[in-house]
Amino acid sequence: MYRYLLALSLLFSSNALATFTIKDIELTQNVVVIVTQSSRDNSPCTSSHWGLDITQEQDYALYGLVLTAVAMSKPIMIEGTGMCISNDRYERVGKVSVKD
């Protein structure tokens, strides 16, 4: 039942939600770019990578969670905001959770 409700919410959600294994993390000026092992084709931005604006307090906290997942070698679930940052290249991350 839970999976059915989750599938329905994903169907009607405008934000991207997926589980990824992190391949690389790059820091370019004020943007952290999260490169995943698998690409996605539903990105509203010009690349399929995720981004965090570390000048924003919430994004800085999410960056800490991403680094924790990397240190633990765990995949993460990312929910996008649907907004693009850094000249419309990366979808801004809205929510991150570490998966087991």
Protein backbone atom coordinates (compact mmCIF):
# COMPACT_ATOMS: atom_id res chain seq x y z
CA MET A 1 0.00 0.00 0.00
CA TYR A 2 2.80 2.38 0.93
CA ARG A 3 4.57 1.78 -2.39
CA TYR A 4 1.33 2.37 -4.27
CA LEU A 5 0.81 5.73 -2.55
CA LEU A 6 4.44 6.68 -3.17
CA ALA A 7 4.08 5.80 -6.85
CA LEU A 8 0.95 7.94 -7.12
CA SER A 9 2.61 10.87 -5.41
CA LEU A 10 5.57 10.60 -7.78
CA LEU A 11 3.26 10.47 -10.76
CA PHE A 12 1.59 13.74 -9.84
CA SER A 13 4.67 15.46 -8.44
CA SER A 14 6.41 18.10 -10.53
CA ASN A 15 9.70 17.72 -8.66
CA ALA A 16 12.24 15.06 -9.50
CA LEU A 17 12.73 12.38 -6.88
CA ALA A 18 15.26 9.59 -7.30
CA THR A 19 17.84 7.48 -5.52
CA PHE A 20 21.40 7.85 -6.75
CA THR A 21 24.90 6.69 -6.01
CA ILE A 22 27.22 9.69 -5.98
CA LYS A 23 30.04 9.58 -8.50
CA ASP A 24 31.67 12.94 -7.81
CA ILE A 25 31.15 16.21 -5.96
CA GLU A 26 32.56 19.39 -7.47
CA LEU A 27 32.74 22.84 -5.91
CA THR A 28 32.55 25.71 -8.40
CA GLN A 29 32.42 29.18 -6.84
CA ASN A 30 29.29 29.10 -4.64
CA VAL A 31 27.70 26.01 -6.21
CA VAL A 32 28.27 22.40 -5.20
CA VAL A 33 27.64 20.10 -8.17
CA ILE A 34 26.56 16.54 -7.37
CA VAL A 35 27.44 14.15 -10.20
CA THR A 36 25.64 10.82 -10.00
CA GLN A 37 26.55 7.45 -11.50
CA SER A 38 23.35 7.29 -13.50
CA SER A 39 22.06 10.19 -15.54
CA ARG A 40 18.46 11.30 -15.73
CA ASP A 41 16.50 12.71 -18.61
CA ASN A 42 13.76 14.54 -16.73
CA SER A 43 15.92 17.47 -15.62
CA PRO A 44 14.40 20.92 -16.20
CA CYS A 45 17.94 22.33 -16.53
CA THR A 46 20.64 22.06 -19.18
CA SER A 47 22.53 19.25 -17.39
CA SER A 48 21.36 16.20 -15.48
CA HIS A 49 23.46 17.05 -12.42
CA TRP A 50 22.16 18.39 -9.12
CA GLY A 51 23.32 21.63 -7.50
CA LEU A 52 23.48 23.24 -4.07
CA ASP A 53 23.92 26.97 -3.55
CA ILE A 54 26.14 26.98 -0.46
CA THR A 55 25.48 30.66 0.19
CA GLN A 56 22.02 29.52 1.32
CA GLU A 57 21.87 28.08 4.84
CA GLN A 58 19.52 25.22 3.90
CA ASP A 59 21.70 24.16 0.97
CA TYR A 60 24.81 24.28 3.15
CA ALA A 61 23.13 21.90 5.60
CA LEU A 62 22.17 19.56 2.75
CA TYR A 63 25.80 19.65 1.57
CA GLY A 64 26.83 18.29 4.97
CA LEU A 65 24.33 15.45 4.60
CA VAL A 66 25.63 14.64 1.11
CA LEU A 67 29.21 14.52 2.44
CA THR A 68 28.05 12.19 5.22
CA ALA A 69 26.52 9.84 2.64
CA VAL A 70 29.77 9.85 0.66
CA ALA A 71 31.79 9.07 3.80
CA MET A 72 29.43 6.18 4.61
CA SER A 73 29.43 4.94 0.95
CA LYS A 74 25.62 5.04 0.93
CA PRO A 75 23.27 6.05 -1.90
CA ILE A 76 21.10 9.12 -1.39
CA MET A 77 17.57 10.02 -2.34
CA ILE A 78 17.38 13.48 -3.87
CA GLU A 79 14.25 15.55 -4.37
CA GLY A 80 14.67 18.48 -6.71
CA THR A 81 13.00 21.84 -6.41
CA GLY A 82 12.34 22.26 -10.12
CA MET A 83 14.43 25.45 -10.06
CA CYS A 84 17.71 25.78 -11.92
CA ILE A 85 20.81 27.46 -10.50
CA SER A 86 24.18 28.53 -11.90
CA ASN A 87 22.99 29.87 -15.26
CA ASP A 88 20.24 27.23 -15.55
CA ARG A 89 22.73 24.35 -15.54
CA TYR A 90 21.88 22.40 -12.36
CA GLU A 91 18.60 21.58 -10.66
CA ARG A 92 18.63 22.84 -7.10
CA VAL A 93 18.34 20.12 -4.48
CA GLY A 94 15.37 20.53 -2.17
CA LYS A 95 15.65 17.46 0.04
CA VAL A 96 18.24 14.74 0.65
CA SER A 97 17.99 11.51 2.60
CA VAL A 98 20.61 8.80 3.07
CA LYS A 99 19.45 5.31 2.05
CA ASP A 100 20.49 2.00 3.61
